[in-house]
Amino acid sequence: MHYRNYLEAVYCISGTGSTDDSQADEVQVVRPGIICAFDKHDAHPLCAETELVLAYVFVPPLADREVHDET
């Protein structure tokens, strides 16, 4: 999913994986204690290596009317 209208921060509680910021040509490791901040509405596919437990924060808060489609 790609949140085009929100800023997003993700805190990893447990597990391992990585995010791929194709615009910056950068891969960020996700592991416990790491915070990933996405402040440019950039796409960032998440690849889980193990089961992940993540806490997300969105600004503005997500509304129940959020629609995800092919874009």
Protein backbone atom coordinates (compact mmCIF):
# COMPACT_ATOMS: atom_id res chain seq x y z
CA MET A 1 0.00 0.00 0.00
CA HIS A 2 1.07 3.53 -0.65
CA TYR A 3 -0.29 6.39 1.44
CA ARG A 4 -0.07 9.40 -0.90
CA ASN A 5 -1.88 11.78 1.46
CA TYR A 6 -0.13 11.01 4.74
CA LEU A 7 3.25 11.25 6.39
CA GLU A 8 4.18 7.97 8.03
CA ALA A 9 6.49 6.67 10.74
CA VAL A 10 6.96 3.01 11.58
CA TYR A 11 8.54 1.61 14.76
CA CYS A 12 9.70 -2.02 14.72
CA ILE A 13 8.78 -3.88 17.91
CA SER A 14 9.96 -7.32 16.79
CA GLY A 15 11.05 -9.20 13.69
CA THR A 16 13.30 -8.35 10.76
CA GLY A 17 12.87 -7.12 7.24
CA SER A 18 13.66 -4.19 4.96
CA THR A 19 12.05 -1.33 3.08
CA ASP A 20 13.01 -0.34 -0.43
CA ASP A 21 12.90 3.37 -1.27
CA SER A 22 13.21 3.16 -5.03
CA GLN A 23 13.21 6.96 -5.44
CA ALA A 24 16.34 7.26 -3.28
CA ASP A 25 17.78 3.93 -4.47
CA GLU A 26 18.11 2.94 -0.82
CA VAL A 27 17.27 -0.13 1.26
CA GLN A 28 16.67 0.33 4.99
CA VAL A 29 16.97 -2.57 7.41
CA VAL A 30 13.99 -3.08 9.73
CA ARG A 31 14.74 -4.64 13.12
CA PRO A 32 13.61 -4.08 16.73
CA GLY A 33 14.15 -0.49 17.88
CA ILE A 34 14.40 0.98 14.35
CA ILE A 35 12.11 3.84 13.30
CA CYS A 36 11.48 4.39 9.58
CA ALA A 37 10.09 7.81 8.66
CA PHE A 38 8.53 8.46 5.27
CA ASP A 39 8.09 12.19 4.86
CA LYS A 40 7.95 12.61 1.08
CA HIS A 41 4.90 10.44 0.35
CA ASP A 42 7.39 8.03 -1.21
CA ALA A 43 6.52 4.44 -2.07
CA HIS A 44 8.33 2.02 0.22
CA PRO A 45 7.63 -1.70 -0.27
CA LEU A 46 8.20 -3.71 2.91
CA CYS A 47 9.83 -7.14 2.72
CA ALA A 48 9.45 -9.24 5.87
CA GLU A 49 12.22 -11.76 6.59
CA THR A 50 10.47 -12.94 9.77
CA GLU A 51 7.12 -12.15 11.36
CA LEU A 52 7.03 -8.40 12.04
CA VAL A 53 5.27 -6.49 14.80
CA LEU A 54 5.15 -2.81 13.84
CA ALA A 55 3.58 0.35 15.27
CA TYR A 56 2.51 2.94 12.69
CA VAL A 57 1.84 6.66 13.11
CA PHE A 58 0.12 8.64 10.34
CA VAL A 59 -0.23 12.41 9.99
CA PRO A 60 -3.00 13.32 9.60
CA PRO A 61 -4.64 10.33 11.30
CA LEU A 62 -6.06 7.72 8.93
CA ALA A 63 -9.77 8.01 8.34
CA ASP A 64 -12.08 5.04 7.88
CA ARG A 65 -12.87 6.41 4.41
CA GLU A 66 -9.36 5.66 3.11
CA VAL A 67 -9.62 3.81 -0.20
CA HIS A 68 -6.82 1.66 -1.64
CA ASP A 69 -6.88 0.90 -5.33
CA GLU A 70 -4.43 0.00 -8.10
CA THR A 71 -2.70 3.40 -7.82
